[in-house]
C-alpha cells in the first residue's frame, strides 16, 4: 500500500508542473489575412496581372495563327487527294510534313503555357514572400499569437481581418514584381523530365 501511495505521489508531482504551465498560457489572439486578395489587389499583383494577361493574349493569338496554318495545310492535302494531284510518295511526304508541323506547333504552345504558368507562380511567390514579414510585424503590433488564412476560417469577426493593413504596407514596400520566371530546373542527367 505504501508503494502505491508513493507512486501516486510521484505521479502527482510530475503532473504538477504541466498543470501550472497550462494555467500560465494566455488565450490565443488570432488575426486573419486573405492572401488571395493580397496577391490580386496589391499594386504589384495588379501590375503583374496586366503583363501576364498580355502574354496570355499573345500566346492565344499564336495558337490561332498556328491552327489556321495547320487548317490550310490539311485542306491542301485533302484537296490534292480529291483531285488526284497528290498521291503515293508525294502524299506520304506531305502528310509527314504536316504531322511534323503539328507536333512542333503543339510543343511550342506547350512551352508557352508552361512559361506563363511559371511566371504566374513566380509572381505569387514574390508577393507572398514580401508579405510574410509585414504580416509578422502586424501580428506583433496587435499582440496576436496566430495568423490564419481567411479561407481556413469558417467565420470570423471583421475586426480580426488585417488584409487591408497588409495591402497598404505591401504596396509601399513592393510596388512591382518581375514577371520573368527563372528558367525551369533541369533534372540531373539520367532522370526523365516531368
Protein backbone atom coordinates (compact mmCIF):
# COMPACT_ATOMS: atom_id res chain seq x y z
CA UNK A 1 0.00 0.00 0.00
CA UNK A 2 2.83 2.34 0.85
CA UNK A 3 4.41 1.73 -2.63
CA UNK A 4 1.15 2.57 -4.32
CA UNK A 5 0.84 5.84 -2.38
CA UNK A 6 4.48 6.71 -3.12
CA UNK A 7 3.93 6.02 -6.82
CA UNK A 8 0.76 8.07 -6.82
CA UNK A 9 2.52 10.96 -5.05
CA UNK A 10 5.40 10.84 -7.54
CA UNK A 11 2.91 10.88 -10.42
CA UNK A 12 1.17 13.92 -8.94
CA UNK A 13 4.49 15.73 -8.50
CA UNK A 14 5.39 15.10 -12.16
CA UNK A 15 1.98 16.27 -13.35
CA UNK A 16 2.01 19.46 -11.26
CA UNK A 17 4.48 21.42 -13.45
CA UNK A 18 2.38 20.67 -16.53
CA UNK A 19 -0.79 21.91 -14.86
CA UNK A 20 0.95 25.12 -13.78
CA UNK A 21 2.37 25.63 -17.27
CA UNK A 22 -1.04 25.07 -18.80
CA UNK A 23 -2.58 27.60 -16.45
CA UNK A 24 0.07 30.19 -17.34
CA UNK A 25 -0.70 30.20 -21.07
CA UNK A 26 -2.59 33.26 -22.17
CA UNK A 27 -5.51 32.90 -24.55
CA UNK A 28 -4.68 32.86 -28.25
CA UNK A 29 -5.10 36.12 -30.12
CA UNK A 30 -5.95 35.43 -33.75
CA UNK A 31 -5.76 37.61 -36.84
CA UNK A 32 -6.92 36.69 -40.33
CA UNK A 33 -5.38 37.51 -43.74
CA UNK A 34 -6.92 36.99 -47.17
CA UNK A 35 -3.81 36.04 -49.14
CA UNK A 36 -5.73 35.84 -52.41
CA UNK A 37 -6.69 39.49 -52.01
CA UNK A 38 -3.13 40.38 -51.09
CA UNK A 39 -1.85 38.81 -54.32
CA UNK A 40 -4.64 40.06 -56.59
CA UNK A 41 -5.27 43.54 -55.19
CA UNK A 42 -1.75 44.64 -54.34
CA UNK A 43 -0.10 47.15 -56.66
CA UNK A 44 2.49 44.53 -57.62
CA UNK A 45 -0.21 41.93 -58.26
CA UNK A 46 -2.24 44.27 -60.45
CA UNK A 47 0.80 45.33 -62.49
CA UNK A 48 1.86 41.72 -62.94
CA UNK A 49 -1.67 40.68 -63.91
CA UNK A 50 -1.70 43.25 -66.71
CA UNK A 51 1.58 41.91 -68.08
CA UNK A 52 0.54 38.27 -67.70
CA UNK A 53 -2.80 38.92 -69.43
CA UNK A 54 -0.95 40.49 -72.36
CA UNK A 55 1.35 37.47 -72.55
CA UNK A 56 -1.66 35.13 -72.44
CA UNK A 57 -3.32 37.10 -75.26
CA UNK A 58 -0.12 36.85 -77.33
CA UNK A 59 0.02 33.11 -76.73
CA UNK A 60 -3.64 32.77 -77.70
CA UNK A 61 -3.04 34.75 -80.91
CA UNK A 62 -0.12 32.48 -81.73
CA UNK A 63 -2.35 29.44 -81.10
CA UNK A 64 -4.91 30.83 -83.56
CA UNK A 65 -2.24 31.55 -86.19
CA UNK A 66 -0.80 28.04 -85.93
CA UNK A 67 -4.28 26.49 -86.04
CA UNK A 68 -5.09 28.46 -89.20
CA UNK A 69 -1.81 27.40 -90.85
CA UNK A 70 -2.47 23.77 -90.00
CA UNK A 71 -6.04 24.01 -91.26
CA UNK A 72 -4.82 25.48 -94.57
CA UNK A 73 -2.21 22.71 -94.95
CA UNK A 74 -4.76 20.00 -94.11
CA UNK A 75 -7.23 21.42 -96.65
CA UNK A 76 -4.49 21.50 -99.32
CA UNK A 77 -3.66 17.85 -98.65
CA UNK A 78 -7.33 16.90 -98.75
CA UNK A 79 -7.86 18.87 -101.96
CA UNK A 80 -4.83 17.18 -103.55
CA UNK A 81 -6.24 13.78 -102.67
CA UNK A 82 -9.68 14.63 -104.03
CA UNK A 83 -8.47 15.90 -107.40
CA UNK A 84 -5.80 13.16 -107.51
CA UNK A 85 -2.85 15.57 -107.85
CA UNK A 86 -1.38 14.26 -104.61
CA UNK A 87 -0.85 10.52 -104.23
CA UNK A 88 1.75 7.89 -103.40
CA UNK A 89 5.12 9.03 -102.02
CA UNK A 90 4.28 12.72 -102.55
CA UNK A 91 1.16 12.33 -100.39
CA UNK A 92 3.10 10.46 -97.72
CA UNK A 93 5.76 13.20 -97.66
CA UNK A 94 3.10 15.94 -97.34
CA UNK A 95 1.29 14.07 -94.55
CA UNK A 96 4.59 13.52 -92.70
CA UNK A 97 5.50 17.21 -93.08
CA UNK A 98 2.04 18.15 -91.79
CA UNK A 99 2.39 15.87 -88.75
CA UNK A 100 5.85 17.28 -88.01
CA UNK A 101 4.49 20.83 -88.26
CA UNK A 102 1.55 19.93 -85.99
CA UNK A 103 3.89 18.36 -83.42
CA UNK A 104 6.17 21.41 -83.50
CA UNK A 105 3.17 23.73 -83.04
CA UNK A 106 1.90 21.70 -80.08
CA UNK A 107 5.35 21.70 -78.49
CA UNK A 108 5.67 25.48 -78.96
CA UNK A 109 2.27 26.11 -77.38
CA UNK A 110 3.03 23.73 -74.52
CA UNK A 111 6.28 25.59 -73.78
CA UNK A 112 4.37 28.88 -73.89
CA UNK A 113 1.78 27.60 -71.42
CA UNK A 114 4.50 26.28 -69.09
CA UNK A 115 6.38 29.60 -69.24
CA UNK A 116 3.19 31.51 -68.45
CA UNK A 117 2.35 29.20 -65.52
CA UNK A 118 5.90 29.56 -64.17
CA UNK A 119 5.64 33.34 -64.46
CA UNK A 120 2.34 33.32 -62.54
CA UNK A 121 3.85 31.16 -59.80
CA UNK A 122 6.89 33.43 -59.65
CA UNK A 123 4.68 36.49 -59.16
CA UNK A 124 2.69 34.82 -56.36
CA UNK A 125 5.90 33.65 -54.67
CA UNK A 126 7.43 37.15 -54.74
CA UNK A 127 4.32 38.79 -53.32
CA UNK A 128 3.73 36.22 -50.58
CA UNK A 129 7.42 36.30 -49.60
CA UNK A 130 7.30 40.09 -49.29
CA UNK A 131 4.01 39.91 -47.35
CA UNK A 132 5.33 37.47 -44.72
CA UNK A 133 7.46 39.94 -42.72
CA UNK A 134 4.67 42.52 -42.96
CA UNK A 135 2.17 40.01 -41.59
CA UNK A 136 4.60 39.14 -38.79
CA UNK A 137 5.05 42.83 -37.92
CA UNK A 138 1.28 43.48 -37.82
CA UNK A 139 0.81 40.31 -35.81
CA UNK A 140 3.26 41.59 -33.17
CA UNK A 141 1.68 45.05 -33.14
CA UNK A 142 -1.73 43.53 -32.44
CA UNK A 143 -0.35 41.06 -29.90
CA UNK A 144 -1.57 38.15 -32.00
CA UNK A 145 -0.27 34.65 -31.48
CA UNK A 146 -1.88 33.05 -34.54
CA UNK A 147 -2.42 34.18 -38.14
CA UNK A 148 -4.98 32.27 -40.20
CA UNK A 149 -5.55 32.39 -43.91
CA UNK A 150 -9.09 33.69 -44.37
CA UNK A 151 -10.13 30.65 -46.39
CA UNK A 152 -9.16 28.45 -43.41
CA UNK A 153 -11.68 30.18 -41.12
CA UNK A 154 -15.34 29.27 -41.42
CA UNK A 155 -16.35 32.53 -39.78
CA UNK A 156 -14.60 35.41 -38.10
CA UNK A 157 -15.27 38.91 -36.90
CA UNK A 158 -14.22 41.54 -39.41
CA UNK A 159 -12.10 43.19 -36.70
CA UNK A 160 -9.73 40.20 -36.88
CA UNK A 161 -9.01 40.75 -40.58
CA UNK A 162 -5.68 42.53 -41.21
CA UNK A 163 -5.75 42.22 -45.01
CA UNK A 164 -6.19 45.96 -45.64
CA UNK A 165 -3.22 46.76 -43.36
CA UNK A 166 -1.10 44.16 -45.16
CA UNK A 167 -2.09 45.57 -48.55
CA UNK A 168 -1.28 49.15 -47.57
CA UNK A 169 2.17 48.26 -46.26
CA UNK A 170 2.91 45.86 -49.11
CA UNK A 171 2.02 48.49 -51.72
CA UNK A 172 4.54 50.85 -50.13
CA UNK A 173 7.24 48.17 -49.82
CA UNK A 174 6.72 46.30 -53.10
CA UNK A 175 5.07 48.32 -55.87
CA UNK A 176 6.20 45.95 -58.62
CA UNK A 177 7.50 42.41 -59.15
CA UNK A 178 9.20 40.61 -62.00
CA UNK A 179 7.02 38.57 -64.33
CA UNK A 180 10.02 36.80 -65.80
CA UNK A 181 10.36 33.49 -64.04
CA UNK A 182 13.74 31.83 -63.69
CA UNK A 183 14.28 29.04 -66.21
CA UNK A 184 12.95 25.64 -65.18
CA UNK A 185 15.36 23.47 -63.28
CA UNK A 186 16.81 20.74 -65.42
CA UNK A 187 16.73 17.25 -63.87
CA UNK A 188 20.11 15.65 -63.19
CA UNK A 189 21.47 13.59 -66.05
CA UNK A 190 19.81 10.23 -66.34
CA UNK A 191 16.48 11.32 -64.82
CA UNK A 192 13.47 11.91 -67.04
CA UNK A 193 11.94 15.38 -67.19
CA UNK A 194 8.47 15.73 -65.67
